Amino acid sequence: MVGVKRASDVLADVVATGDRSLLPGGEDTKSGHTRWNFEKRKPVPGTTYRLAAIEKEVLGYLAEGFMVTEIGDKMALSYDYIKRVVRRIYRELGAKTAAHAVHLAHRAGLLNPHEAE
């Protein structure tokens, strides 16, 4: 591609010239620090997430404290498939762990605390 530089080439240019504005996000003019946009999507109560039916079901099992292998046994699905579903849930919610995903789901109203009863 014309005009596209590899990250290693950009970094080499920055090291050679000292020009931090070449980096993604440029340079913050007030502090002189480079702005990086690594911020994850922040969970907002009432945010609508698009979860498939199987993702909601697996999320419910996670909320009840089941492990991936136990969820696979209960749903008669393979460990690898359930693991992929859990990863999709994490990605959609912006979570890093099962507990974090359950917390975000509760905040977003995806899990009804009385559903399990």
N, C-alpha and C. Protein backbone atom coordinates (compact mmCIF):
# COMPACT_ATOMS: atom_id res chain seq x y z
N MET A 1 0.83 -1.18 0.00
CA MET A 1 0.00 0.00 0.00
C MET A 1 0.87 1.25 0.00
N VAL A 2 0.51 2.19 -0.79
CA VAL A 2 1.27 3.43 -0.89
C VAL A 2 0.89 4.33 0.28
N GLY A 3 1.89 4.91 0.93
CA GLY A 3 1.63 5.86 2.00
C GLY A 3 1.42 5.22 3.36
N VAL A 4 1.44 3.91 3.45
CA VAL A 4 1.24 3.23 4.72
C VAL A 4 2.59 2.78 5.23
N LYS A 5 2.91 3.15 6.48
CA LYS A 5 4.18 2.77 7.07
C LYS A 5 3.95 1.71 8.14
N ARG A 6 4.91 0.83 8.25
CA ARG A 6 4.85 -0.15 9.32
C ARG A 6 5.16 0.55 10.63
N ALA A 7 4.66 -0.02 11.73
CA ALA A 7 4.86 0.59 13.04
C ALA A 7 6.34 0.69 13.37
N SER A 8 7.12 -0.31 12.99
CA SER A 8 8.56 -0.28 13.28
C SER A 8 9.24 0.87 12.53
N ASP A 9 8.77 1.17 11.31
CA ASP A 9 9.34 2.28 10.54
C ASP A 9 9.00 3.62 11.19
N VAL A 10 7.75 3.75 11.66
CA VAL A 10 7.33 4.99 12.32
C VAL A 10 8.15 5.19 13.59
N LEU A 11 8.32 4.11 14.36
CA LEU A 11 9.08 4.21 15.60
C LEU A 11 10.53 4.59 15.31
N ALA A 12 11.10 4.02 14.26
CA ALA A 12 12.47 4.37 13.88
C ALA A 12 12.58 5.85 13.51
N ASP A 13 11.58 6.37 12.81
CA ASP A 13 11.56 7.79 12.45
C ASP A 13 11.48 8.67 13.69
N VAL A 14 10.66 8.26 14.66
CA VAL A 14 10.50 9.03 15.90
C VAL A 14 11.82 9.04 16.67
N VAL A 15 12.47 7.89 16.76
CA VAL A 15 13.74 7.80 17.47
C VAL A 15 14.80 8.67 16.77
N ALA A 16 14.82 8.60 15.45
CA ALA A 16 15.83 9.35 14.69
C ALA A 16 15.62 10.85 14.77
N THR A 17 14.38 11.29 14.70
CA THR A 17 14.11 12.73 14.64
C THR A 17 13.70 13.33 15.97
N GLY A 18 13.18 12.51 16.88
CA GLY A 18 12.67 13.03 18.15
C GLY A 18 11.31 13.68 17.99
N ASP A 19 10.69 13.56 16.83
CA ASP A 19 9.41 14.18 16.54
C ASP A 19 8.28 13.24 16.96
N ARG A 20 7.71 13.48 18.14
CA ARG A 20 6.67 12.60 18.67
C ARG A 20 5.33 12.78 17.96
N SER A 21 5.19 13.83 17.18
CA SER A 21 3.93 14.05 16.46
C SER A 21 3.74 13.01 15.36
N LEU A 22 4.79 12.25 15.05
CA LEU A 22 4.66 11.19 14.05
C LEU A 22 3.90 9.98 14.59
N LEU A 23 3.80 9.90 15.93
CA LEU A 23 3.12 8.77 16.55
C LEU A 23 1.61 8.91 16.42
N PRO A 24 0.87 7.78 16.49
CA PRO A 24 -0.59 7.84 16.43
C PRO A 24 -1.11 8.72 17.56
N GLY A 25 -2.00 9.60 17.24
CA GLY A 25 -2.56 10.50 18.25
C GLY A 25 -1.79 11.79 18.38
N GLY A 26 -0.59 11.83 17.82
CA GLY A 26 0.19 13.07 17.86
C GLY A 26 0.72 13.39 19.22
N GLU A 27 0.92 14.67 19.48
CA GLU A 27 1.51 15.11 20.73
C GLU A 27 0.55 16.08 21.41
N ASP A 28 0.40 15.90 22.71
CA ASP A 28 -0.43 16.81 23.50
C ASP A 28 0.35 18.11 23.66
N THR A 29 -0.20 19.21 23.19
CA THR A 29 0.55 20.47 23.18
C THR A 29 0.76 21.03 24.57
N LYS A 30 -0.11 20.73 25.53
CA LYS A 30 0.05 21.27 26.89
C LYS A 30 1.16 20.58 27.65
N SER A 31 1.16 19.25 27.65
CA SER A 31 2.11 18.52 28.50
C SER A 31 3.32 18.00 27.73
N GLY A 32 3.25 17.97 26.42
CA GLY A 32 4.34 17.43 25.64
C GLY A 32 4.34 15.90 25.60
N HIS A 33 3.33 15.27 26.19
CA HIS A 33 3.24 13.82 26.20
C HIS A 33 2.44 13.33 25.00
N THR A 34 2.79 12.17 24.54
CA THR A 34 2.08 11.57 23.42
C THR A 34 0.73 11.05 23.89
N ARG A 35 -0.28 11.30 23.11
CA ARG A 35 -1.62 10.80 23.43
C ARG A 35 -1.79 9.43 22.79
N TRP A 36 -2.11 8.46 23.58
CA TRP A 36 -2.40 7.12 23.07
C TRP A 36 -3.85 6.83 23.39
N ASN A 37 -4.53 6.19 22.48
CA ASN A 37 -5.94 5.89 22.69
C ASN A 37 -6.09 4.40 22.97
N PHE A 38 -5.74 4.00 24.21
CA PHE A 38 -5.87 2.61 24.60
C PHE A 38 -7.11 2.39 25.47
N GLU A 39 -7.92 3.40 25.60
CA GLU A 39 -9.06 3.33 26.50
C GLU A 39 -10.07 2.29 26.03
N LYS A 40 -10.48 1.42 26.95
CA LYS A 40 -11.50 0.40 26.64
C LYS A 40 -12.87 1.07 26.67
N ARG A 41 -13.81 0.40 26.04
CA ARG A 41 -15.17 0.90 26.09
C ARG A 41 -15.66 0.86 27.52
N LYS A 42 -16.12 1.99 28.02
CA LYS A 42 -16.58 2.06 29.40
C LYS A 42 -18.01 1.54 29.50
N PRO A 43 -18.29 0.70 30.49
CA PRO A 43 -19.65 0.20 30.67
C PRO A 43 -20.57 1.30 31.16
N VAL A 44 -21.69 1.43 30.56
CA VAL A 44 -22.65 2.45 30.94
C VAL A 44 -23.96 1.75 31.26
N PRO A 45 -24.51 2.00 32.47
CA PRO A 45 -25.79 1.38 32.79
C PRO A 45 -26.84 1.73 31.73
N GLY A 46 -27.60 0.75 31.33
CA GLY A 46 -28.63 0.96 30.32
C GLY A 46 -28.12 0.81 28.90
N THR A 47 -26.83 0.56 28.73
CA THR A 47 -26.28 0.36 27.39
C THR A 47 -26.86 -0.92 26.81
N THR A 48 -27.21 -0.87 25.57
CA THR A 48 -27.74 -2.07 24.94
C THR A 48 -26.60 -2.84 24.29
N TYR A 49 -26.47 -4.08 24.69
CA TYR A 49 -25.47 -4.96 24.12
C TYR A 49 -26.18 -5.97 23.24
N ARG A 50 -25.52 -6.37 22.16
CA ARG A 50 -26.11 -7.35 21.26
C ARG A 50 -25.53 -8.71 21.57
N LEU A 51 -26.24 -9.48 22.38
CA LEU A 51 -25.81 -10.83 22.72
C LEU A 51 -26.78 -11.82 22.08
N ALA A 52 -26.21 -12.87 21.49
CA ALA A 52 -27.03 -13.94 20.92
C ALA A 52 -27.64 -14.74 22.07
N ALA A 53 -28.64 -15.55 21.75
CA ALA A 53 -29.33 -16.34 22.77
C ALA A 53 -28.36 -17.25 23.51
N ILE A 54 -27.45 -17.89 22.79
CA ILE A 54 -26.49 -18.80 23.45
C ILE A 54 -25.55 -18.01 24.35
N GLU A 55 -25.19 -16.80 23.94
CA GLU A 55 -24.32 -15.96 24.78
C GLU A 55 -25.03 -15.57 26.06
N LYS A 56 -26.31 -15.27 25.97
CA LYS A 56 -27.09 -14.93 27.18
C LYS A 56 -27.19 -16.14 28.10
N GLU A 57 -27.39 -17.32 27.51
CA GLU A 57 -27.50 -18.53 28.31
C GLU A 57 -26.18 -18.83 29.02
N VAL A 58 -25.07 -18.73 28.29
CA VAL A 58 -23.76 -18.97 28.88
C VAL A 58 -23.47 -17.92 29.96
N LEU A 59 -23.83 -16.68 29.71
CA LEU A 59 -23.63 -15.61 30.68
C LEU A 59 -24.42 -15.91 31.96
N GLY A 60 -25.61 -16.46 31.81
CA GLY A 60 -26.40 -16.86 32.97
C GLY A 60 -25.70 -17.93 33.79
N TYR A 61 -25.12 -18.91 33.12
CA TYR A 61 -24.36 -19.95 33.82
C TYR A 61 -23.13 -19.36 34.50
N LEU A 62 -22.45 -18.44 33.82
CA LEU A 62 -21.29 -17.78 34.45
C LEU A 62 -21.72 -17.04 35.71
N ALA A 63 -22.87 -16.39 35.65
CA ALA A 63 -23.38 -15.65 36.80
C ALA A 63 -23.69 -16.58 37.97
N GLU A 64 -24.06 -17.83 37.66
CA GLU A 64 -24.34 -18.81 38.70
C GLU A 64 -23.07 -19.45 39.24
N GLY A 65 -21.93 -19.14 38.63
CA GLY A 65 -20.65 -19.63 39.13
C GLY A 65 -20.12 -20.88 38.45
N PHE A 66 -20.73 -21.29 37.35
CA PHE A 66 -20.26 -22.47 36.64
C PHE A 66 -18.99 -22.16 35.87
N MET A 67 -18.13 -23.16 35.74
CA MET A 67 -16.91 -23.04 34.94
C MET A 67 -17.22 -23.45 33.51
N VAL A 68 -16.32 -23.12 32.59
CA VAL A 68 -16.54 -23.38 31.16
C VAL A 68 -16.79 -24.87 30.91
N THR A 69 -16.03 -25.74 31.55
CA THR A 69 -16.23 -27.19 31.35
C THR A 69 -17.60 -27.63 31.83
N GLU A 70 -18.04 -27.08 32.96
CA GLU A 70 -19.36 -27.43 33.50
C GLU A 70 -20.47 -26.91 32.60
N ILE A 71 -20.29 -25.72 32.05
CA ILE A 71 -21.29 -25.16 31.13
C ILE A 71 -21.38 -26.03 29.89
N GLY A 72 -20.25 -26.45 29.36
CA GLY A 72 -20.23 -27.33 28.20
C GLY A 72 -20.96 -28.64 28.47
N ASP A 73 -20.75 -29.22 29.65
CA ASP A 73 -21.44 -30.46 30.02
C ASP A 73 -22.95 -30.24 30.12
N LYS A 74 -23.34 -29.14 30.77
CA LYS A 74 -24.78 -28.86 30.93
C LYS A 74 -25.48 -28.64 29.59
N MET A 75 -24.77 -27.96 28.66
CA MET A 75 -25.38 -27.62 27.38
C MET A 75 -25.07 -28.65 26.30
N ALA A 76 -24.30 -29.68 26.63
CA ALA A 76 -23.90 -30.73 25.69
C ALA A 76 -23.16 -30.14 24.49
N LEU A 77 -22.24 -29.20 24.80
CA LEU A 77 -21.43 -28.56 23.77
C LEU A 77 -19.96 -28.69 24.17
N SER A 78 -19.07 -28.60 23.21
CA SER A 78 -17.65 -28.80 23.49
C SER A 78 -17.07 -27.63 24.30
N TYR A 79 -16.00 -27.96 25.00
CA TYR A 79 -15.27 -26.98 25.79
C TYR A 79 -14.80 -25.83 24.91
N ASP A 80 -14.24 -26.16 23.75
CA ASP A 80 -13.71 -25.13 22.84
C ASP A 80 -14.81 -24.19 22.35
N TYR A 81 -15.98 -24.74 22.06
CA TYR A 81 -17.08 -23.90 21.58
C TYR A 81 -17.53 -22.94 22.68
N ILE A 82 -17.68 -23.45 23.89
CA ILE A 82 -18.11 -22.60 25.01
C ILE A 82 -17.05 -21.54 25.28
N LYS A 83 -15.78 -21.91 25.16
CA LYS A 83 -14.70 -20.94 25.36
C LYS A 83 -14.79 -19.81 24.34
N ARG A 84 -15.12 -20.14 23.09
CA ARG A 84 -15.28 -19.11 22.06
C ARG A 84 -16.47 -18.21 22.38
N VAL A 85 -17.55 -18.81 22.86
CA VAL A 85 -18.74 -18.02 23.23
C VAL A 85 -18.38 -17.06 24.37
N VAL A 86 -17.64 -17.55 25.35
CA VAL A 86 -17.25 -16.70 26.48
C VAL A 86 -16.37 -15.55 25.99
N ARG A 87 -15.46 -15.82 25.07
CA ARG A 87 -14.62 -14.75 24.51
C ARG A 87 -15.46 -13.71 23.80
N ARG A 88 -16.49 -14.16 23.06
CA ARG A 88 -17.38 -13.20 22.38
C ARG A 88 -18.11 -12.34 23.41
N ILE A 89 -18.53 -12.96 24.51
CA ILE A 89 -19.21 -12.21 25.58
C ILE A 89 -18.27 -11.15 26.14
N TYR A 90 -17.03 -11.56 26.45
CA TYR A 90 -16.05 -10.61 26.98
C TYR A 90 -15.85 -9.45 26.01
N ARG A 91 -15.71 -9.77 24.73
CA ARG A 91 -15.48 -8.73 23.72
C ARG A 91 -16.65 -7.77 23.65
N GLU A 92 -17.86 -8.31 23.64
CA GLU A 92 -19.05 -7.47 23.52
C GLU A 92 -19.22 -6.56 24.74
N LEU A 93 -18.97 -7.11 25.94
CA LEU A 93 -19.16 -6.33 27.15
C LEU A 93 -17.94 -5.49 27.51
N GLY A 94 -16.79 -5.79 26.91
CA GLY A 94 -15.57 -5.08 27.27
C GLY A 94 -14.99 -5.60 28.58
N ALA A 95 -15.20 -6.88 28.87
CA ALA A 95 -14.77 -7.48 30.13
C ALA A 95 -13.47 -8.25 29.95
N LYS A 96 -12.79 -8.48 31.07
CA LYS A 96 -11.55 -9.25 31.04
C LYS A 96 -11.70 -10.59 31.75
N THR A 97 -12.63 -10.71 32.66
CA THR A 97 -12.84 -11.94 33.42
C THR A 97 -14.33 -12.26 33.47
N ALA A 98 -14.63 -13.46 33.93
CA ALA A 98 -16.04 -13.85 34.06
C ALA A 98 -16.75 -12.98 35.09
N ALA A 99 -16.07 -12.72 36.21
CA ALA A 99 -16.68 -11.89 37.24
C ALA A 99 -16.96 -10.48 36.72
N HIS A 100 -16.02 -9.96 35.93
CA HIS A 100 -16.20 -8.63 35.34
C HIS A 100 -17.37 -8.64 34.36
N ALA A 101 -17.47 -9.69 33.54
CA ALA A 101 -18.57 -9.79 32.58
C ALA A 101 -19.91 -9.85 33.30
N VAL A 102 -19.98 -10.62 34.39
CA VAL A 102 -21.23 -10.73 35.15
C VAL A 102 -21.58 -9.38 35.77
N HIS A 103 -20.58 -8.70 36.30
CA HIS A 103 -20.81 -7.38 36.90
C HIS A 103 -21.37 -6.40 35.85
N LEU A 104 -20.72 -6.37 34.67
CA LEU A 104 -21.17 -5.46 33.61
C LEU A 104 -22.57 -5.83 33.13
N ALA A 105 -22.84 -7.13 33.04
CA ALA A 105 -24.15 -7.58 32.60
C ALA A 105 -25.24 -7.17 33.59
N HIS A 106 -24.94 -7.28 34.89
CA HIS A 106 -25.90 -6.83 35.91
C HIS A 106 -26.14 -5.33 35.78
N ARG A 107 -25.05 -4.56 35.61
CA ARG A 107 -25.19 -3.10 35.48
C ARG A 107 -26.01 -2.71 34.26
N ALA A 108 -25.87 -3.50 33.18
CA ALA A 108 -26.58 -3.19 31.95
C ALA A 108 -27.98 -3.78 31.94
N GLY A 109 -28.35 -4.52 32.98
CA GLY A 109 -29.68 -5.10 33.06
C GLY A 109 -29.87 -6.36 32.21
N LEU A 110 -28.75 -7.00 31.85
CA LEU A 110 -28.85 -8.22 31.04
C LEU A 110 -29.19 -9.44 31.89
N LEU A 111 -28.88 -9.39 33.17
CA LEU A 111 -29.15 -10.51 34.05
C LEU A 111 -30.17 -10.11 35.08
N ASN A 112 -31.22 -10.89 35.17
CA ASN A 112 -32.23 -10.67 36.18
C ASN A 112 -31.86 -11.53 37.37
N PRO A 113 -31.66 -10.95 38.56
CA PRO A 113 -31.22 -11.75 39.70
C PRO A 113 -32.22 -12.82 40.12
N HIS A 114 -33.48 -12.69 39.70
CA HIS A 114 -34.48 -13.67 40.09
C HIS A 114 -34.74 -14.72 39.01
N GLU A 115 -34.01 -14.65 37.89
CA GLU A 115 -34.19 -15.61 36.80
C GLU A 115 -33.78 -17.03 37.20
N ALA A 116 -32.75 -17.16 38.01
CA ALA A 116 -32.21 -18.47 38.35
C ALA A 116 -33.14 -19.25 39.27
N GLU A 117 -34.01 -18.58 39.95
CA GLU A 117 -34.89 -19.26 40.91
C GLU A 117 -35.98 -20.07 40.22
